[in-house]
Protein backbone atom coordinates (compact mmCIF):
# COMPACT_ATOMS: atom_id res chain seq x y z
CA MET A 1 -0.23 -0.22 0.14
CA LYS A 2 1.47 3.35 -0.76
CA ARG A 3 2.68 5.03 2.07
CA PRO A 4 0.47 8.69 2.84
CA SER A 5 1.94 12.27 2.58
CA TYR A 6 1.53 13.37 6.04
CA ALA A 7 2.84 16.17 5.90
CA THR A 8 -0.02 17.02 4.05
CA ASN A 9 -2.99 14.89 5.89
CA LYS A 10 -5.75 16.87 6.26
CA VAL A 11 -6.52 14.26 9.61
CA LEU A 12 -2.74 15.61 10.54
CA LYS A 13 -4.19 19.24 9.97
CA GLN A 14 -7.29 18.22 12.10
CA PHE A 15 -5.25 16.54 15.28
CA ILE A 16 -3.14 19.25 15.34
CA ASN A 17 -5.50 21.47 16.01
CA ASN A 18 -7.63 20.02 17.52
CA ALA A 19 -4.25 19.60 20.34
CA LEU A 20 -3.86 22.65 21.03
CA LYS A 21 -7.00 23.77 21.40
CA GLU A 22 -7.91 21.32 23.75
CA ASP A 23 -4.36 22.30 25.80
CA ILE A 24 -4.32 25.74 25.74
CA GLN A 25 -8.02 26.65 25.60
CA ASP A 26 -9.19 30.50 26.74
CA GLY A 27 -5.10 31.26 27.24
CA ASP A 28 -1.93 29.58 28.05
CA HIS A 29 -2.26 32.25 31.49
CA SER A 30 1.16 30.48 33.28
CA THR A 31 3.54 31.45 29.36
CA LEU A 32 1.06 34.65 29.31
CA SER A 33 1.28 36.11 33.49
CA THR A 34 5.43 35.49 33.44
CA ILE A 35 6.72 35.98 29.41
CA PRO A 36 6.80 39.19 27.53
CA LYS A 37 5.42 39.11 24.73
CA ASP A 38 8.10 40.09 22.12
CA LEU A 39 10.70 38.58 23.93
CA GLN A 40 12.07 36.13 21.36
CA GLN A 41 14.01 32.81 22.72
CA GLN A 42 15.58 29.54 21.15
CA ALA A 43 14.91 26.02 23.10
CA LYS A 44 16.07 22.76 21.19
CA LEU A 45 15.14 19.11 21.15
CA LEU A 46 17.40 17.06 23.61
CA VAL A 47 17.49 14.14 23.50
CA LYS A 48 18.30 11.33 26.72
CA GLN A 49 17.17 7.79 25.04
CA ASP A 50 19.12 6.45 22.17
CA CYS A 51 16.29 6.22 19.13
CA ILE A 52 15.88 6.12 15.80
CA LEU A 53 14.17 9.60 15.95
CA ALA A 54 10.92 10.55 14.33
CA GLY A 55 8.33 12.81 15.31
CA VAL A 56 10.54 15.65 13.64
CA GLU A 57 8.45 16.82 10.77
CA LEU A 58 5.52 16.73 12.62
CA ALA A 59 6.82 19.43 15.52
CA GLU A 60 8.36 22.08 13.20
CA ILE A 61 4.69 21.67 11.34
CA ILE A 62 3.37 21.78 15.40
CA PHE A 63 5.14 25.27 15.95
CA LYS A 64 4.14 26.66 12.38
CA THR A 65 0.55 25.74 12.85
CA PHE A 66 0.46 28.15 16.00
CA ASP A 67 3.28 30.19 15.10
CA LYS A 68 4.37 31.03 11.73
CA SER A 69 7.32 32.86 12.75
CA LEU A 70 8.56 30.49 14.97
CA LYS A 71 11.77 28.85 13.38
CA VAL A 72 13.69 25.72 13.72
CA LYS A 73 16.77 24.05 12.43
CA THR A 74 16.99 20.60 12.45
CA PHE A 75 19.95 18.82 13.29
CA ILE A 76 18.88 15.11 12.68
CA LYS A 77 16.21 14.30 10.82
CA ASP A 78 13.23 11.13 11.29
CA GLY A 79 14.23 8.09 10.80
CA GLU A 80 17.94 8.75 12.20
CA THR A 81 19.71 7.29 14.50
CA ALA A 82 20.31 9.50 17.40
CA LYS A 83 21.79 8.80 20.98
CA VAL A 84 22.08 10.43 24.78
CA GLY A 85 22.76 13.98 24.64
CA ASP A 86 22.35 15.13 20.87
CA VAL A 87 19.85 18.05 19.77
CA ALA A 88 17.85 17.11 17.60
CA PHE A 89 16.85 20.96 15.62
CA ILE A 90 16.47 24.00 17.76
CA VAL A 91 13.34 26.81 17.60
CA SER A 92 13.79 30.13 17.27
CA GLY A 93 11.57 32.85 17.91
CA SER A 94 8.68 34.33 20.46
CA ALA A 95 8.97 32.39 23.63
CA ARG A 96 5.42 32.75 24.51
CA SER A 97 4.92 30.59 21.63
CA ILE A 98 7.90 27.90 21.91
CA LEU A 99 6.40 27.03 25.52
CA SER A 100 2.48 26.72 24.75
CA THR A 101 3.34 24.73 22.25
CA GLU A 102 6.05 22.72 24.32
CA ARG A 103 5.02 19.83 25.80
CA LEU A 104 2.42 19.55 21.62
CA VAL A 105 5.47 18.37 20.18
CA LEU A 106 7.17 16.62 23.90
CA ASN A 107 3.84 14.00 23.54
CA CYS A 108 3.92 13.51 19.53
CA MET A 109 8.01 13.21 19.12
CA GLN A 110 8.08 10.69 22.00
CA ARG A 111 5.57 8.29 21.37
CA MET A 112 6.96 8.12 18.19
CA SER A 113 10.34 7.66 18.14
CA GLY A 114 9.25 5.10 20.85
CA ILE A 115 7.41 3.75 17.69
CA ALA A 116 9.56 3.90 14.63
CA THR A 117 12.65 2.99 17.40
CA LEU A 118 10.98 -0.51 17.93
CA THR A 119 9.59 -1.33 14.30
CA HIS A 120 13.34 0.02 13.41
CA ASP A 121 14.80 -2.93 15.16
CA TRP A 122 11.85 -5.40 14.03
CA ASP A 123 12.35 -4.29 10.73
CA SER A 124 15.70 -5.10 11.07
CA ARG A 125 15.16 -9.29 10.82
CA LEU A 126 13.18 -9.28 7.67
CA ILE A 127 16.15 -8.49 6.31
CA GLY A 128 17.39 -10.49 2.97
CA SER A 129 14.01 -11.78 2.60
CA LYS A 130 10.75 -10.40 0.97
CA THR A 131 8.57 -10.63 3.82
CA LYS A 132 6.86 -6.89 4.76
CA LEU A 133 6.40 -5.56 8.16
CA LEU A 134 2.93 -4.09 8.27
CA ASP A 135 1.24 -2.02 11.23
CA THR A 136 -2.45 -2.46 12.34
CA ARG A 137 -5.80 -0.58 13.50
CA LYS A 138 -4.68 -0.77 16.90
CA THR A 139 -3.72 2.35 16.63
CA THR A 140 -4.60 4.53 19.58
CA PRO A 141 -8.21 6.93 18.53
CA ASN A 142 -7.21 9.88 16.93
CA PHE A 143 -3.57 9.85 16.99
CA ARG A 144 -3.65 7.08 14.18
CA VAL A 145 -1.74 9.74 11.20
CA CYS A 146 0.58 9.83 13.79
CA GLU A 147 1.29 6.41 14.80
CA LYS A 148 1.30 5.02 11.30
CA TRP A 149 3.36 8.28 9.87
CA ALA A 150 6.06 6.51 12.46
CA VAL A 151 5.90 3.56 11.42
CA ALA A 152 7.06 4.13 8.15
CA ILE A 153 9.60 6.78 9.16
CA GLY A 154 10.94 3.30 10.90
CA GLY A 155 11.45 1.53 8.11
CA GLY A 156 8.15 -0.57 8.25
CA THR A 157 4.66 -0.17 6.27
CA ASN A 158 1.22 1.28 6.53
CA HIS A 159 -1.70 -1.35 6.26
CA ARG A 160 -4.81 0.35 5.79
CA TYR A 161 -5.21 2.96 7.29
CA GLY A 162 -8.54 2.91 7.78
CA LEU A 163 -11.64 0.81 7.26
CA TYR A 164 -12.52 3.07 4.50
CA ASP A 165 -9.37 2.62 2.30
CA MET A 166 -9.39 -1.52 1.47
CA ILE A 167 -12.46 -3.98 2.49
CA MET A 168 -10.88 -7.04 4.82
CA LEU A 169 -13.77 -9.48 5.85
CA LYS A 170 -12.66 -10.77 9.27
CA ASP A 171 -13.83 -13.64 11.61
CA ASN A 172 -16.73 -12.50 12.39
CA HIS A 173 -17.74 -11.12 8.99
CA ILE A 174 -17.79 -14.69 8.20
CA ASP A 175 -19.47 -16.36 10.95
CA TYR A 176 -21.80 -13.19 10.60
CA ASN A 177 -22.34 -14.93 6.60
CA GLY A 178 -21.87 -18.03 6.87
CA SER A 179 -19.50 -19.06 4.88
CA ILE A 180 -15.82 -17.19 3.55
CA THR A 181 -17.63 -18.38 -0.21
CA ASN A 182 -20.03 -15.89 0.80
CA ALA A 183 -19.26 -13.36 2.18
CA VAL A 184 -16.10 -12.54 -0.90
CA LYS A 185 -19.58 -12.69 -3.58
CA MET A 186 -21.01 -9.87 -1.29
CA ALA A 187 -18.05 -8.05 -0.50
CA LYS A 188 -17.42 -8.06 -5.03
CA ASP A 189 -20.49 -6.78 -5.70
CA TYR A 190 -21.07 -4.54 -2.99
CA ILE A 191 -17.40 -2.85 -5.20
CA LYS A 192 -19.60 -3.18 -8.86
CA LYS A 193 -22.42 -1.75 -7.15
CA ASN A 194 -21.05 1.15 -5.40
CA LYS A 195 -18.32 1.61 -8.12
CA LYS A 196 -14.86 1.50 -5.78
CA LYS A 197 -11.62 0.03 -5.75
CA LEU A 198 -10.70 -1.52 -3.11
CA LYS A 199 -8.30 -4.43 -3.02
CA ILE A 200 -10.31 -7.62 -0.48
CA GLU A 201 -8.54 -9.54 1.73
CA VAL A 202 -9.34 -12.24 3.60
CA GLU A 203 -8.99 -14.15 7.79
CA THR A 204 -8.21 -17.26 7.30
CA ARG A 205 -8.23 -19.78 10.36
CA ASN A 206 -7.33 -23.10 8.72
CA LEU A 207 -6.35 -24.59 5.30
CA GLU A 208 -10.00 -25.33 4.50
CA GLU A 209 -10.04 -21.86 4.76
CA VAL A 210 -7.13 -20.83 2.92
CA LYS A 211 -8.20 -23.01 -0.39
CA GLU A 212 -12.13 -21.29 0.25
CA ALA A 213 -10.41 -17.64 0.21
CA ILE A 214 -8.39 -19.62 -2.60
CA LYS A 215 -11.21 -20.33 -4.62
CA ALA A 216 -12.53 -16.91 -3.96
CA LYS A 217 -10.07 -15.31 -6.10
CA VAL A 218 -9.49 -12.24 -3.19
CA ASP A 219 -6.16 -10.07 -3.68
CA ARG A 220 -4.71 -10.74 -0.43
CA ILE A 221 -5.25 -14.10 2.96
CA MET A 222 -4.71 -13.54 6.19
CA LEU A 223 -3.14 -16.34 7.16
CA ASP A 224 -4.93 -15.76 11.32
CA ASN A 225 -2.52 -17.35 14.07
CA MET A 226 -1.09 -19.81 12.39
CA ASN A 227 1.77 -21.93 13.14
CA ILE A 228 5.13 -22.22 11.25
CA ASP A 229 4.36 -25.88 9.57
CA THR A 230 0.30 -24.24 8.92
CA MET A 231 1.57 -21.68 7.12
CA THR A 232 4.53 -22.91 5.08
CA GLU A 233 1.95 -25.41 3.49
CA ALA A 234 -0.85 -22.51 3.49
CA VAL A 235 2.16 -20.35 1.70
CA LYS A 236 2.21 -23.18 -0.60
CA LEU A 237 -1.11 -23.18 -1.42
CA ILE A 238 -1.29 -20.13 -2.53
CA ASN A 239 1.19 -19.94 -4.37
CA GLY A 240 1.37 -16.55 -5.37
CA SER A 241 -2.00 -16.16 -6.18
CA CYS A 242 -2.81 -13.70 -4.13
CA GLU A 243 -0.91 -11.85 -1.87
CA SER A 244 -0.03 -13.50 2.23
CA GLU A 245 0.04 -11.66 5.24
CA ALA A 246 0.56 -13.52 8.65
CA SER A 247 -1.27 -12.24 11.47
CA GLY A 248 -2.11 -12.84 15.10
CA GLY A 249 0.15 -12.87 17.72
CA ILE A 250 3.35 -12.14 16.54
CA THR A 251 7.07 -11.47 17.79
CA ARG A 252 10.25 -10.61 17.16
CA GLU A 253 11.47 -13.69 17.69
CA GLN A 254 9.52 -15.00 15.63
CA LEU A 255 9.97 -12.72 12.44
CA LYS A 256 13.16 -14.80 10.77
CA GLU A 257 11.19 -18.33 10.96
CA ILE A 258 8.17 -16.05 9.82
CA ALA A 259 10.00 -15.10 7.18
CA ALA A 260 11.51 -17.89 5.32
CA THR A 261 6.97 -19.61 4.97
CA GLY A 262 7.44 -16.80 2.41
CA VAL A 263 4.61 -15.13 2.92
CA THR A 264 4.28 -11.64 1.51
CA PHE A 265 3.62 -9.65 4.97
CA VAL A 266 3.47 -9.92 8.85
CA SER A 267 0.96 -7.48 10.96
CA ALA A 268 1.93 -7.11 13.76
CA GLY A 269 -1.03 -4.92 16.28
CA ALA A 270 2.63 -3.80 18.43
CA LEU A 271 4.00 -1.94 16.74
CA THR A 272 2.04 0.62 18.16
CA HIS A 273 0.52 -0.80 21.27
CA SER A 274 3.09 -1.52 22.44
CA ALA A 275 5.72 0.65 22.04
CA GLU A 276 7.53 2.29 24.35
CA ASN A 277 7.77 6.48 24.62
CA ILE A 278 10.82 7.83 24.36
CA ASP A 279 12.49 10.17 25.95
CA LEU A 280 13.01 13.83 25.17
CA SER A 281 13.17 16.98 26.42
CA LEU A 282 12.55 20.52 25.08
CA LYS A 283 15.04 22.77 26.63
CA ALA A 284 15.33 27.02 26.74
CA VAL A 285 19.29 27.39 25.06
CA LYS A 286 20.99 29.78 27.97
């Protein structure tokens, strides 16, 4: 799936505006009461933990959304390795504006850097294989755009963004509908009737369902919670007729073994729901 242009994403702009409103409301009174209106200052983004840095471009967007006159000089770009003590960037301009945007910038960058670092670590296990690492929709509500951006920065590949850009028929869709065959037929009829351009993915739980999904002619077959032997057999059955995706309880330790089955993708919710934040600070330049 093609990586979106996050920096110009309408959802990103909406997120930033909503986050600023949530934090500031009728005013940053701590800053307004103590910092002169015309005071010009600088602050540095200090790295306090080794990581793959993410959110630098987002930080600049946040700063300029709040105050177009703020200037950012970048020393470490998104996706680059950062070490303890490094300065990622220096922001210059209104001291009031720097202070009012500080927490939003840090919250985003700490979370995104944690996801990018974990993704980079997992993706390194797939080097030498053709298997690509995918994220999932197991994201923080209203923060998905930033979390998926962080996965891409870390070297991962974005799965569908939401419910609207791909048809994924999971176990409940199939169980409610009676069979994979019925569910896929209805999905194809829906696509044709509504003139949509949507790929269809089907979740399978065993080899019989894999065979049924192959006959239904879908774009991708998910191999859900299958052991390595079953997954290997499933990939052989699919034989390149469509894409395949390993999913369900995936751990870092399994990645090389999963890639060896020849599966097209491996998806892991852990990339976003289990990443630990990276310690970063925005400090005044004295």
